Every structure is written in C-alpha cells, then in structure tokens.
Amino acid sequence: MRLALALCAALACTPAPARRPVDPEALRGVTLGIPPPADARPSPGIGCGQVSQDLSLRAHKLLIAAFSDAGATASNASIGPWVLTVALREATMGPEDERARRTDRPLNEGGPDRSGSGYPTLEQPQQSWFNSGLGNVVVILDATLARDGAVVWRDTVAGHASSPPCIQAIDKVREALSDAVDTVCTQVTAVVRGQSRH
C-alpha cells in the first residue's frame, strides 16, 4: 500500500514535459489573425467532478503566444491575410473518469445490513477509492486556416497528457491544451511556409 501511495505521489508531482522548440524566424513577416476560440464543448466539465470554464480563453492566450514565439505578428483579428479559427471541442480526463463504471457499487447500499447499522459489510464489494493505471487526458481543437478568405487547411487536433486518475485534473487538462496548441502551431507553420513559397 505504501508503495502504491508513493507511486501516486511521484506521478502527481511529475512536471509537465517541456514545450516543443520553436524557430523564432519561422513566421517572420506573417500577420496572423486569431479570433478568440469558440467553446463548443457540451459542458465545461472535465471529469472527476471538476469544471474548467476558462479553457477557451487559455487556448487563445496560448495560441497568440505560440505564434508570436514563431515570429508571426499575431492579433485578435477575424479578417486579414491569414486567419486561424479554432474551436474547443472536448477537454476531459478520459472516459474512465467521467462516469461511473458498470461494475462500481455505491459506497452505501442504502438498506440496513445484518448488523442493522445501515452500512455495507466489509466483505461486500465497494466502489474503489483509487483507480489503477494512468488516465489519458485529452483536449480536442478544431482548427481552420484561411488565406485571403479561402480555407487552405483544416484539421482536428488532439493534445494529450498522462495523469493518475483525478489527480491535478485542471492542471493536466491545461497541459493537454498546451500540447494541442503546440501541434496546431507546428502544422499551421508548415502550411504557411509552404503557401508563402508559391
């Protein structure tokens, strides 16, 4: 038991992976409009009983920073020579932490047991307090890049992070968001550089 607790504590304290290196000259001279992303999630819940309502605002800040780091002149504009439109589709701690599993039993069955205390006996299977394994944190972004009003690239990008289930839920979702933004930046940079050569 001590080993399991020590392992969970070590995994919870593991720092986020370093951001991908960015060439600060990659988008030099490119003006890129990035309007605030739409939050298209069905609910702000991320699993584990946690809510993250500011995720689209964080996505916008990360996008502006990522493209600025790549040398672009990034703004909030929705019109211009290059415009990147993003929608936040999903942000979850993974399906294993979103809902009760079929095999879970409530902590209290409700009826009195043989002792008359109303609590289930120790021999009776109960809902686990600790899930085993790592949770797969996922953030999904839909991104569309337009040049002079014409769509030149569209993709759905997923960002991932690993976490012990329900530990540092909001921080791990933010880590997955950063991974998704880095992927969008890498793909858009490649498209813009390819289009600029023509």
N, C-alpha and C. Protein backbone atom coordinates (compact mmCIF):
# COMPACT_ATOMS: atom_id res chain seq x y z
N MET A 1 0.83 -1.19 0.00
CA MET A 1 0.00 0.00 0.00
C MET A 1 0.87 1.26 0.00
N ARG A 2 1.95 1.22 0.81
CA ARG A 2 2.84 2.38 0.85
C ARG A 2 3.47 2.64 -0.51
N LEU A 3 3.84 1.54 -1.18
CA LEU A 3 4.44 1.67 -2.50
C LEU A 3 3.47 2.31 -3.48
N ALA A 4 2.22 1.91 -3.42
CA ALA A 4 1.20 2.49 -4.31
C ALA A 4 1.00 3.98 -4.03
N LEU A 5 0.97 4.34 -2.76
CA LEU A 5 0.82 5.76 -2.41
C LEU A 5 2.04 6.56 -2.84
N ALA A 6 3.23 6.00 -2.66
CA ALA A 6 4.44 6.69 -3.08
C ALA A 6 4.48 6.86 -4.59
N LEU A 7 4.04 5.83 -5.32
CA LEU A 7 4.00 5.91 -6.77
C LEU A 7 3.01 6.98 -7.24
N CYS A 8 1.83 7.01 -6.64
CA CYS A 8 0.84 8.05 -7.00
C CYS A 8 1.37 9.45 -6.70
N ALA A 9 2.03 9.61 -5.56
CA ALA A 9 2.59 10.92 -5.21
C ALA A 9 3.68 11.33 -6.19
N ALA A 10 4.52 10.38 -6.58
CA ALA A 10 5.59 10.69 -7.53
C ALA A 10 5.03 11.07 -8.89
N LEU A 11 4.01 10.35 -9.34
CA LEU A 11 3.42 10.67 -10.63
C LEU A 11 2.68 12.00 -10.61
N ALA A 12 2.06 12.32 -9.50
CA ALA A 12 1.33 13.58 -9.39
C ALA A 12 2.28 14.77 -9.40
N CYS A 13 3.49 14.56 -8.92
CA CYS A 13 4.46 15.65 -8.84
C CYS A 13 5.36 15.73 -10.07
N THR A 14 5.12 14.88 -11.04
CA THR A 14 5.94 14.89 -12.24
C THR A 14 5.66 16.17 -13.01
N PRO A 15 6.70 16.92 -13.37
CA PRO A 15 6.47 18.17 -14.11
C PRO A 15 5.99 17.89 -15.53
N ALA A 16 5.34 18.87 -16.09
CA ALA A 16 4.86 18.77 -17.47
C ALA A 16 6.06 18.70 -18.41
N PRO A 17 5.90 18.00 -19.53
CA PRO A 17 7.01 17.95 -20.49
C PRO A 17 7.31 19.35 -21.02
N ALA A 18 8.55 19.55 -21.40
CA ALA A 18 8.96 20.85 -21.93
C ALA A 18 8.25 21.12 -23.26
N ARG A 19 7.98 22.38 -23.52
CA ARG A 19 7.35 22.75 -24.79
C ARG A 19 8.28 22.45 -25.94
N ARG A 20 7.68 22.19 -27.08
CA ARG A 20 8.47 21.91 -28.28
C ARG A 20 9.28 23.15 -28.66
N PRO A 21 10.50 22.95 -29.13
CA PRO A 21 11.29 24.11 -29.56
C PRO A 21 10.66 24.77 -30.79
N VAL A 22 10.74 26.09 -30.82
CA VAL A 22 10.13 26.86 -31.91
C VAL A 22 11.20 27.72 -32.56
N ASP A 23 11.19 27.75 -33.89
CA ASP A 23 12.09 28.61 -34.64
C ASP A 23 11.51 30.03 -34.61
N PRO A 24 12.18 30.99 -33.96
CA PRO A 24 11.62 32.34 -33.85
C PRO A 24 11.56 33.08 -35.19
N GLU A 25 12.15 32.53 -36.22
CA GLU A 25 12.12 33.15 -37.55
C GLU A 25 11.14 32.45 -38.50
N ALA A 26 10.49 31.39 -38.04
CA ALA A 26 9.65 30.56 -38.91
C ALA A 26 8.53 31.36 -39.59
N LEU A 27 7.90 32.27 -38.88
CA LEU A 27 6.79 33.03 -39.44
C LEU A 27 7.08 34.54 -39.47
N ARG A 28 8.34 34.90 -39.54
CA ARG A 28 8.72 36.32 -39.57
C ARG A 28 8.05 36.99 -40.77
N GLY A 29 7.40 38.12 -40.54
CA GLY A 29 6.74 38.87 -41.59
C GLY A 29 5.31 38.44 -41.88
N VAL A 30 4.82 37.40 -41.20
CA VAL A 30 3.45 36.92 -41.41
C VAL A 30 2.53 37.57 -40.38
N THR A 31 1.43 38.13 -40.86
CA THR A 31 0.41 38.67 -39.96
C THR A 31 -0.71 37.65 -39.87
N LEU A 32 -0.97 37.19 -38.66
CA LEU A 32 -1.93 36.12 -38.43
C LEU A 32 -3.01 36.59 -37.47
N GLY A 33 -4.25 36.56 -37.94
CA GLY A 33 -5.39 36.87 -37.08
C GLY A 33 -5.86 35.61 -36.37
N ILE A 34 -6.03 35.70 -35.07
CA ILE A 34 -6.53 34.56 -34.28
C ILE A 34 -7.68 35.06 -33.41
N PRO A 35 -8.91 34.98 -33.92
CA PRO A 35 -10.03 35.40 -33.08
C PRO A 35 -10.19 34.46 -31.88
N PRO A 36 -10.81 34.94 -30.81
CA PRO A 36 -10.97 34.06 -29.63
C PRO A 36 -11.67 32.76 -30.01
N PRO A 37 -11.13 31.62 -29.56
CA PRO A 37 -11.74 30.33 -29.90
C PRO A 37 -13.13 30.17 -29.32
N ALA A 38 -13.98 29.45 -30.05
CA ALA A 38 -15.31 29.13 -29.57
C ALA A 38 -15.21 27.94 -28.62
N ASP A 39 -15.98 27.95 -27.56
CA ASP A 39 -16.04 26.81 -26.65
C ASP A 39 -17.24 25.98 -27.07
N ALA A 40 -17.01 24.93 -27.86
CA ALA A 40 -18.08 24.10 -28.40
C ALA A 40 -18.28 22.82 -27.61
N ARG A 41 -17.77 22.78 -26.40
CA ARG A 41 -17.97 21.59 -25.56
C ARG A 41 -19.42 21.54 -25.09
N PRO A 42 -19.97 20.34 -24.90
CA PRO A 42 -21.34 20.26 -24.41
C PRO A 42 -21.48 20.77 -22.98
N SER A 43 -20.40 20.71 -22.20
CA SER A 43 -20.42 21.25 -20.84
C SER A 43 -18.98 21.60 -20.45
N PRO A 44 -18.81 22.48 -19.46
CA PRO A 44 -17.46 22.83 -19.02
C PRO A 44 -16.82 21.78 -18.12
N GLY A 45 -17.53 20.68 -17.85
CA GLY A 45 -16.99 19.63 -17.00
C GLY A 45 -15.85 18.90 -17.70
N ILE A 46 -14.81 18.58 -16.92
CA ILE A 46 -13.65 17.87 -17.48
C ILE A 46 -13.51 16.48 -16.89
N GLY A 47 -14.47 16.05 -16.11
CA GLY A 47 -14.40 14.76 -15.44
C GLY A 47 -13.92 14.94 -14.02
N CYS A 48 -14.05 13.89 -13.23
CA CYS A 48 -13.60 13.90 -11.83
C CYS A 48 -14.31 14.97 -11.00
N GLY A 49 -15.48 15.39 -11.44
CA GLY A 49 -16.22 16.41 -10.71
C GLY A 49 -15.64 17.81 -10.84
N GLN A 50 -14.73 18.03 -11.79
CA GLN A 50 -14.07 19.32 -11.97
C GLN A 50 -14.67 20.07 -13.15
N VAL A 51 -14.63 21.39 -13.08
CA VAL A 51 -15.14 22.26 -14.14
C VAL A 51 -14.04 23.25 -14.52
N SER A 52 -13.88 23.47 -15.82
CA SER A 52 -12.90 24.45 -16.30
C SER A 52 -13.58 25.32 -17.34
N GLN A 53 -14.11 26.46 -16.90
CA GLN A 53 -14.87 27.33 -17.78
C GLN A 53 -14.00 28.27 -18.61
N ASP A 54 -12.75 28.49 -18.21
CA ASP A 54 -11.91 29.46 -18.89
C ASP A 54 -10.97 28.82 -19.92
N LEU A 55 -11.23 27.61 -20.33
CA LEU A 55 -10.31 26.90 -21.21
C LEU A 55 -10.17 27.55 -22.58
N SER A 56 -11.26 28.09 -23.13
CA SER A 56 -11.14 28.74 -24.45
C SER A 56 -10.32 30.03 -24.34
N LEU A 57 -10.44 30.74 -23.24
CA LEU A 57 -9.60 31.93 -23.02
C LEU A 57 -8.13 31.54 -22.90
N ARG A 58 -7.86 30.47 -22.19
CA ARG A 58 -6.48 29.97 -22.08
C ARG A 58 -5.95 29.52 -23.43
N ALA A 59 -6.81 28.86 -24.22
CA ALA A 59 -6.41 28.43 -25.56
C ALA A 59 -6.01 29.64 -26.40
N HIS A 60 -6.79 30.72 -26.31
CA HIS A 60 -6.50 31.92 -27.08
C HIS A 60 -5.15 32.51 -26.68
N LYS A 61 -4.91 32.62 -25.39
CA LYS A 61 -3.62 33.15 -24.91
C LYS A 61 -2.46 32.28 -25.37
N LEU A 62 -2.63 30.95 -25.28
CA LEU A 62 -1.57 30.04 -25.72
C LEU A 62 -1.32 30.14 -27.22
N LEU A 63 -2.39 30.27 -28.01
CA LEU A 63 -2.24 30.40 -29.47
C LEU A 63 -1.49 31.68 -29.83
N ILE A 64 -1.89 32.79 -29.24
CA ILE A 64 -1.22 34.08 -29.51
C ILE A 64 0.27 33.97 -29.13
N ALA A 65 0.55 33.39 -27.96
CA ALA A 65 1.94 33.26 -27.52
C ALA A 65 2.74 32.33 -28.43
N ALA A 66 2.15 31.21 -28.82
CA ALA A 66 2.87 30.23 -29.66
C ALA A 66 3.23 30.82 -31.02
N PHE A 67 2.27 31.52 -31.65
CA PHE A 67 2.55 32.09 -32.97
C PHE A 67 3.46 33.31 -32.87
N SER A 68 3.36 34.05 -31.80
CA SER A 68 4.29 35.17 -31.59
C SER A 68 5.70 34.64 -31.39
N ASP A 69 5.84 33.55 -30.64
CA ASP A 69 7.15 32.94 -30.44
C ASP A 69 7.73 32.44 -31.76
N ALA A 70 6.86 32.08 -32.71
CA ALA A 70 7.32 31.60 -34.02
C ALA A 70 7.60 32.76 -34.98
N GLY A 71 7.48 33.99 -34.51
CA GLY A 71 7.83 35.15 -35.32
C GLY A 71 6.68 35.85 -36.00
N ALA A 72 5.47 35.32 -35.89
CA ALA A 72 4.31 35.96 -36.55
C ALA A 72 3.86 37.18 -35.76
N THR A 73 3.21 38.09 -36.47
CA THR A 73 2.53 39.20 -35.82
C THR A 73 1.10 38.72 -35.59
N ALA A 74 0.84 38.24 -34.37
CA ALA A 74 -0.46 37.65 -34.04
C ALA A 74 -1.37 38.71 -33.43
N SER A 75 -2.65 38.66 -33.83
CA SER A 75 -3.63 39.61 -33.30
C SER A 75 -4.96 38.90 -33.10
N ASN A 76 -5.93 39.62 -32.58
CA ASN A 76 -7.28 39.07 -32.36
C ASN A 76 -8.17 39.22 -33.59
N ALA A 77 -7.62 39.65 -34.71
CA ALA A 77 -8.41 39.96 -35.90
C ALA A 77 -9.08 38.72 -36.48
N SER A 78 -10.30 38.91 -36.98
CA SER A 78 -11.02 37.82 -37.64
C SER A 78 -10.98 37.98 -39.16
N ILE A 79 -10.35 39.05 -39.63
CA ILE A 79 -10.13 39.24 -41.07
C ILE A 79 -8.67 39.63 -41.27
N GLY A 80 -8.15 39.31 -42.44
CA GLY A 80 -6.76 39.64 -42.72
C GLY A 80 -6.19 38.65 -43.71
N PRO A 81 -4.88 38.80 -44.02
CA PRO A 81 -4.27 37.90 -45.00
C PRO A 81 -4.27 36.45 -44.53
N TRP A 82 -4.01 36.20 -43.27
CA TRP A 82 -4.06 34.87 -42.68
C TRP A 82 -4.93 34.93 -41.43
N VAL A 83 -5.90 33.99 -41.33
CA VAL A 83 -6.76 33.94 -40.15
C VAL A 83 -6.88 32.48 -39.70
N LEU A 84 -6.60 32.25 -38.43
CA LEU A 84 -6.73 30.92 -37.84
C LEU A 84 -7.93 30.93 -36.90
N THR A 85 -8.92 30.12 -37.22
CA THR A 85 -10.12 29.99 -36.39
C THR A 85 -10.06 28.66 -35.66
N VAL A 86 -10.28 28.70 -34.36
CA VAL A 86 -10.18 27.49 -33.54
C VAL A 86 -11.43 27.32 -32.70
N ALA A 87 -11.86 26.07 -32.53
CA ALA A 87 -12.98 25.74 -31.64
C ALA A 87 -12.52 24.64 -30.69
N LEU A 88 -12.83 24.81 -29.43
CA LEU A 88 -12.52 23.81 -28.41
C LEU A 88 -13.67 22.81 -28.40
N ARG A 89 -13.41 21.57 -28.81
CA ARG A 89 -14.45 20.54 -28.93
C ARG A 89 -14.59 19.67 -27.69
N GLU A 90 -13.46 19.36 -27.05
CA GLU A 90 -13.51 18.43 -25.92
C GLU A 90 -12.33 18.68 -25.01
N ALA A 91 -12.54 18.49 -23.73
CA ALA A 91 -11.48 18.55 -22.72
C ALA A 91 -11.90 17.65 -21.58
N THR A 92 -11.27 16.47 -21.49
CA THR A 92 -11.69 15.50 -20.48
C THR A 92 -10.50 14.79 -19.87
N MET A 93 -10.71 14.28 -18.69
CA MET A 93 -9.72 13.46 -18.01
C MET A 93 -9.73 12.04 -18.53
N GLY A 94 -10.53 11.75 -19.52
CA GLY A 94 -10.62 10.40 -20.07
C GLY A 94 -11.93 9.75 -19.68
N PRO A 95 -12.43 8.89 -20.53
CA PRO A 95 -13.74 8.29 -20.28
C PRO A 95 -13.79 7.47 -18.99
N GLU A 96 -12.64 6.95 -18.55
CA GLU A 96 -12.66 6.15 -17.33
C GLU A 96 -12.97 6.98 -16.09
N ASP A 97 -12.83 8.30 -16.16
CA ASP A 97 -13.08 9.15 -15.00
C ASP A 97 -14.30 10.04 -15.16
N GLU A 98 -15.03 9.92 -16.24
CA GLU A 98 -16.17 10.79 -16.48
C GLU A 98 -17.46 10.29 -15.86
N ARG A 99 -17.61 8.99 -15.79
CA ARG A 99 -18.86 8.45 -15.29
C ARG A 99 -18.59 7.18 -14.50
N ALA A 100 -19.58 6.77 -13.77
CA ALA A 100 -19.44 5.54 -13.01
C ALA A 100 -19.34 4.35 -13.96
N ARG A 101 -18.52 3.39 -13.57
CA ARG A 101 -18.42 2.17 -14.36
C ARG A 101 -19.54 1.23 -13.97
N ARG A 102 -19.87 0.33 -14.85
CA ARG A 102 -20.95 -0.62 -14.62
C ARG A 102 -20.67 -1.48 -13.39
N THR A 103 -19.41 -1.74 -13.13
CA THR A 103 -19.05 -2.60 -12.00
C THR A 103 -18.96 -1.87 -10.67
N ASP A 104 -19.02 -0.54 -10.68
CA ASP A 104 -18.96 0.21 -9.43
C ASP A 104 -20.22 -0.02 -8.62
N ARG A 105 -20.03 -0.13 -7.33
CA ARG A 105 -21.16 -0.23 -6.42
C ARG A 105 -21.13 1.01 -5.55
N PRO A 106 -22.26 1.53 -5.20
CA PRO A 106 -22.25 2.72 -4.34
C PRO A 106 -21.61 2.38 -2.99
N LEU A 107 -21.07 3.42 -2.34
CA LEU A 107 -20.42 3.21 -1.06
C LEU A 107 -21.40 2.76 0.01
N ASN A 108 -22.65 3.15 -0.12
CA ASN A 108 -23.67 2.75 0.83
C ASN A 108 -24.84 2.21 0.03
N GLU A 109 -25.17 0.95 0.25
CA GLU A 109 -26.27 0.33 -0.49
C GLU A 109 -27.62 0.91 -0.08
N GLY A 110 -27.69 1.58 1.03
CA GLY A 110 -28.93 2.22 1.44
C GLY A 110 -29.73 1.44 2.45
N GLY A 111 -29.81 0.14 2.31
CA GLY A 111 -30.60 -0.65 3.24
C GLY A 111 -29.78 -1.11 4.42
N PRO A 112 -30.44 -1.44 5.51
CA PRO A 112 -29.69 -1.91 6.67
C PRO A 112 -29.06 -3.28 6.38
N ASP A 113 -27.86 -3.49 6.90
CA ASP A 113 -27.21 -4.79 6.75
C ASP A 113 -27.60 -5.67 7.94
N ARG A 114 -26.93 -6.80 8.06
CA ARG A 114 -27.28 -7.73 9.13
C ARG A 114 -27.05 -7.12 10.51
N SER A 115 -26.07 -6.22 10.59
CA SER A 115 -25.80 -5.63 11.91
C SER A 115 -26.79 -4.53 12.24
N GLY A 116 -27.57 -4.09 11.25
CA GLY A 116 -28.56 -3.05 11.49
C GLY A 116 -27.99 -1.65 11.43
N SER A 117 -26.70 -1.50 11.06
CA SER A 117 -26.08 -0.17 11.07
C SER A 117 -26.41 0.66 9.83
N GLY A 118 -26.89 0.01 8.75
CA GLY A 118 -27.18 0.75 7.53
C GLY A 118 -25.99 0.85 6.59
N TYR A 119 -24.83 0.38 7.05
CA TYR A 119 -23.63 0.41 6.21
C TYR A 119 -23.35 -0.98 5.67
N PRO A 120 -22.80 -1.07 4.46
CA PRO A 120 -22.49 -2.38 3.92
C PRO A 120 -21.37 -3.06 4.72
N THR A 121 -21.34 -4.37 4.66
CA THR A 121 -20.30 -5.10 5.38
C THR A 121 -18.97 -4.95 4.65
N LEU A 122 -17.88 -5.24 5.35
CA LEU A 122 -16.56 -5.13 4.75
C LEU A 122 -16.35 -6.15 3.64
N GLU A 123 -17.02 -7.29 3.71
CA GLU A 123 -16.87 -8.33 2.70
C GLU A 123 -17.57 -7.97 1.39
N GLN A 124 -18.51 -7.07 1.46
CA GLN A 124 -19.29 -6.70 0.27
C GLN A 124 -18.44 -5.82 -0.64
N PRO A 125 -18.40 -6.09 -1.98
CA PRO A 125 -17.60 -5.27 -2.90
C PRO A 125 -18.09 -3.81 -2.89
N GLN A 126 -17.13 -2.90 -2.94
CA GLN A 126 -17.45 -1.48 -2.90
C GLN A 126 -16.80 -0.75 -4.08
N GLN A 127 -17.27 0.45 -4.33
CA GLN A 127 -16.65 1.31 -5.33
C GLN A 127 -15.23 1.59 -4.88
N SER A 128 -14.27 1.52 -5.81
CA SER A 128 -12.89 1.74 -5.42
C SER A 128 -12.62 3.21 -5.16
N TRP A 129 -11.76 3.48 -4.18
CA TRP A 129 -11.36 4.85 -3.89
C TRP A 129 -10.25 5.30 -4.81
N PHE A 130 -9.44 4.35 -5.24
CA PHE A 130 -8.32 4.65 -6.12
C PHE A 130 -8.44 3.83 -7.39
N ASN A 131 -8.39 4.48 -8.52
CA ASN A 131 -8.39 3.77 -9.80
C ASN A 131 -6.97 3.35 -10.11
N SER A 132 -6.81 2.28 -10.86
CA SER A 132 -5.47 1.84 -11.19
C SER A 132 -5.06 2.40 -12.55
N GLY A 133 -3.76 2.52 -12.76
CA GLY A 133 -3.25 2.95 -14.05
C GLY A 133 -3.29 4.46 -14.22
N LEU A 134 -2.86 4.90 -15.39
CA LEU A 134 -2.84 6.32 -15.71
C LEU A 134 -4.08 6.70 -16.49
N GLY A 135 -4.55 7.90 -16.27
CA GLY A 135 -5.65 8.43 -17.05
C GLY A 135 -5.10 9.13 -18.28
N ASN A 136 -5.85 9.09 -19.36
CA ASN A 136 -5.44 9.76 -20.59
C ASN A 136 -6.24 11.04 -20.71
N VAL A 137 -5.58 12.16 -20.46
CA VAL A 137 -6.22 13.47 -20.54
C VAL A 137 -6.20 13.91 -22.01
N VAL A 138 -7.35 14.35 -22.52
CA VAL A 138 -7.45 14.70 -23.93
C VAL A 138 -8.12 16.07 -24.08
N VAL A 139 -7.53 16.90 -24.95
CA VAL A 139 -8.14 18.16 -25.37
C VAL A 139 -8.18 18.13 -26.89
N ILE A 140 -9.35 18.40 -27.46
CA ILE A 140 -9.51 18.37 -28.92
C ILE A 140 -9.87 19.76 -29.43
N LEU A 141 -9.10 20.21 -30.42
CA LEU A 141 -9.33 21.51 -31.06
C LEU A 141 -9.65 21.29 -32.54
N ASP A 142 -10.65 22.00 -33.05
CA ASP A 142 -10.89 22.07 -34.49
C ASP A 142 -10.28 23.37 -34.97
N ALA A 143 -9.40 23.29 -35.96
CA ALA A 143 -8.69 24.48 -36.43
C ALA A 143 -8.87 24.64 -37.94
N THR A 144 -9.07 25.88 -38.37
CA THR A 144 -9.21 26.21 -39.79
C THR A 144 -8.34 27.42 -40.09
N LEU A 145 -7.50 27.29 -41.11
CA LEU A 145 -6.63 28.38 -41.54
C LEU A 145 -7.10 28.89 -42.89
N ALA A 146 -7.30 30.20 -42.98
CA ALA A 146 -7.74 30.81 -44.23
C ALA A 146 -6.71 31.83 -44.69
N ARG A 147 -6.50 31.88 -46.01
CA ARG A 147 -5.63 32.88 -46.60
C ARG A 147 -6.48 33.73 -47.52
N ASP A 148 -6.56 35.01 -47.24
CA ASP A 148 -7.40 35.95 -48.00
C ASP A 148 -8.83 35.44 -48.15
N GLY A 149 -9.35 34.85 -47.06
CA GLY A 149 -10.74 34.39 -47.03
C GLY A 149 -10.97 32.98 -47.54
N ALA A 150 -9.99 32.36 -48.17
CA ALA A 150 -10.15 31.00 -48.70
C ALA A 150 -9.49 30.00 -47.76
N VAL A 151 -10.20 28.95 -47.41
CA VAL A 151 -9.67 27.94 -46.50
C VAL A 151 -8.55 27.17 -47.18
N VAL A 152 -7.38 27.12 -46.53
CA VAL A 152 -6.24 26.40 -47.09
C VAL A 152 -5.86 25.18 -46.24
N TRP A 153 -6.38 25.12 -45.02
CA TRP A 153 -6.07 23.99 -44.14
C TRP A 153 -7.15 23.87 -43.08
N ARG A 154 -7.51 22.64 -42.78
CA ARG A 154 -8.50 22.37 -41.73
C ARG A 154 -8.12 21.03 -41.09
N ASP A 155 -8.15 20.98 -39.77
CA ASP A 155 -7.82 19.73 -39.10
C ASP A 155 -8.41 19.72 -37.69
N THR A 156 -8.57 18.51 -37.17
CA THR A 156 -8.95 18.31 -35.78
C THR A 156 -7.70 17.78 -35.08
N VAL A 157 -7.28 18.49 -34.05
CA VAL A 157 -6.01 18.19 -33.38
C VAL A 157 -6.30 17.80 -31.93
N ALA A 158 -5.62 16.76 -31.49
CA ALA A 158 -5.77 16.32 -30.10
C ALA A 158 -4.48 16.56 -29.33
N GLY A 159 -4.61 17.04 -28.13
CA GLY A 159 -3.49 17.18 -27.22
C GLY A 159 -3.67 16.19 -26.09
N HIS A 160 -2.58 15.64 -25.60
CA HIS A 160 -2.66 14.59 -24.58
C HIS A 160 -1.77 14.90 -23.39
N ALA A 161 -2.13 14.34 -22.26
CA ALA A 161 -1.30 14.35 -21.06
C ALA A 161 -1.67 13.09 -20.28
N SER A 162 -0.73 12.58 -19.52
CA SER A 162 -0.99 11.41 -18.69
C SER A 162 -1.06 11.85 -17.24
N SER A 163 -1.95 11.20 -16.52
CA SER A 163 -2.12 11.56 -15.12
C SER A 163 -2.71 10.39 -14.36
N PRO A 164 -2.32 10.23 -13.11
CA PRO A 164 -3.10 9.30 -12.29
C PRO A 164 -4.53 9.82 -12.27
N PRO A 165 -5.51 8.94 -12.34
CA PRO A 165 -6.89 9.40 -12.43
C PRO A 165 -7.27 10.41 -11.35
N CYS A 166 -7.81 11.50 -11.79
CA CYS A 166 -8.39 12.54 -10.94
C CYS A 166 -7.38 13.25 -10.04
N ILE A 167 -6.09 13.21 -10.39
CA ILE A 167 -5.09 13.95 -9.63
C ILE A 167 -4.65 15.12 -10.49
N GLN A 168 -4.71 16.32 -9.95
CA GLN A 168 -4.37 17.55 -10.65
C GLN A 168 -5.16 17.67 -11.96
N ALA A 169 -6.45 17.45 -11.89
CA ALA A 169 -7.29 17.39 -13.09
C ALA A 169 -7.18 18.65 -13.95
N ILE A 170 -7.34 19.80 -13.37
CA ILE A 170 -7.32 21.04 -14.14
C ILE A 170 -5.94 21.30 -14.72
N ASP A 171 -4.88 21.08 -13.94
CA ASP A 171 -3.52 21.28 -14.45
C ASP A 171 -3.21 20.34 -15.61
N LYS A 172 -3.67 19.10 -15.52
CA LYS A 172 -3.40 18.13 -16.58
C LYS A 172 -4.20 18.46 -17.84
N VAL A 173 -5.40 18.98 -17.70
CA VAL A 173 -6.16 19.42 -18.88
C VAL A 173 -5.46 20.60 -19.54
N ARG A 174 -4.92 21.50 -18.74
CA ARG A 174 -4.16 22.64 -19.29
C ARG A 174 -2.91 22.15 -20.00
N GLU A 175 -2.26 21.12 -19.46
CA GLU A 175 -1.08 20.53 -20.11
C GLU A 175 -1.47 19.93 -21.48
N ALA A 176 -2.59 19.24 -21.53
CA ALA A 176 -3.07 18.67 -22.80
C ALA A 176 -3.44 19.78 -23.78
N LEU A 177 -4.02 20.87 -23.27
CA LEU A 177 -4.34 22.02 -24.12
C LEU A 177 -3.07 22.60 -24.73
N SER A 178 -2.02 22.74 -23.93
CA SER A 178 -0.75 23.26 -24.43
C SER A 178 -0.18 22.35 -25.50
N ASP A 179 -0.31 21.04 -25.32
CA ASP A 179 0.15 20.08 -26.33
C ASP A 179 -0.63 20.24 -27.63
N ALA A 180 -1.94 20.43 -27.53
CA ALA A 180 -2.77 20.63 -28.74
C ALA A 180 -2.40 21.92 -29.45
N VAL A 181 -2.18 22.99 -28.69
CA VAL A 181 -1.80 24.28 -29.29
C VAL A 181 -0.44 24.16 -29.98
N ASP A 182 0.50 23.47 -29.36
CA ASP A 182 1.81 23.27 -29.99
C ASP A 182 1.67 22.52 -31.31
N THR A 183 0.78 21.52 -31.35
CA THR A 183 0.55 20.75 -32.58
C THR A 183 -0.07 21.64 -33.66
N VAL A 184 -1.05 22.46 -33.29
CA VAL A 184 -1.67 23.38 -34.25
C VAL A 184 -0.61 24.33 -34.79
N CYS A 185 0.23 24.88 -33.91
CA CYS A 185 1.27 25.82 -34.33
C CYS A 185 2.24 25.17 -35.31
N THR A 186 2.65 23.94 -35.03
CA THR A 186 3.57 23.23 -35.91
C THR A 186 2.95 23.01 -37.29
N GLN A 187 1.69 22.56 -37.32
CA GLN A 187 1.03 22.27 -38.59
C GLN A 187 0.75 23.54 -39.39
N VAL A 188 0.29 24.58 -38.71
CA VAL A 188 -0.01 25.84 -39.40
C VAL A 188 1.28 26.48 -39.93
N THR A 189 2.35 26.41 -39.17
CA THR A 189 3.63 26.95 -39.62
C THR A 189 4.07 26.28 -40.91
N ALA A 190 3.92 24.96 -40.98
CA ALA A 190 4.29 24.23 -42.20
C ALA A 190 3.43 24.66 -43.38
N VAL A 191 2.13 24.86 -43.17
CA VAL A 191 1.22 25.28 -44.26
C VAL A 191 1.56 26.68 -44.74
N VAL A 192 1.75 27.60 -43.79
CA VAL A 192 2.04 28.99 -44.14
C VAL A 192 3.37 29.08 -44.90
N ARG A 193 4.38 28.37 -44.42
CA ARG A 193 5.68 28.40 -45.11
C ARG A 193 5.56 27.81 -46.52
N GLY A 194 4.77 26.75 -46.66
CA GLY A 194 4.57 26.14 -47.97
C GLY A 194 3.82 27.06 -48.92
N GLN A 195 2.79 27.74 -48.40
CA GLN A 195 1.99 28.66 -49.21
C GLN A 195 2.79 29.92 -49.56
N SER A 196 3.65 30.36 -48.66
CA SER A 196 4.43 31.58 -48.90
C SER A 196 5.48 31.40 -49.98
N ARG A 197 5.88 30.17 -50.24
CA ARG A 197 6.89 29.91 -51.27
C ARG A 197 6.30 30.01 -52.67
N HIS A 198 4.98 29.91 -52.77
CA HIS A 198 4.33 29.95 -54.11
C HIS A 198 4.09 31.36 -54.58
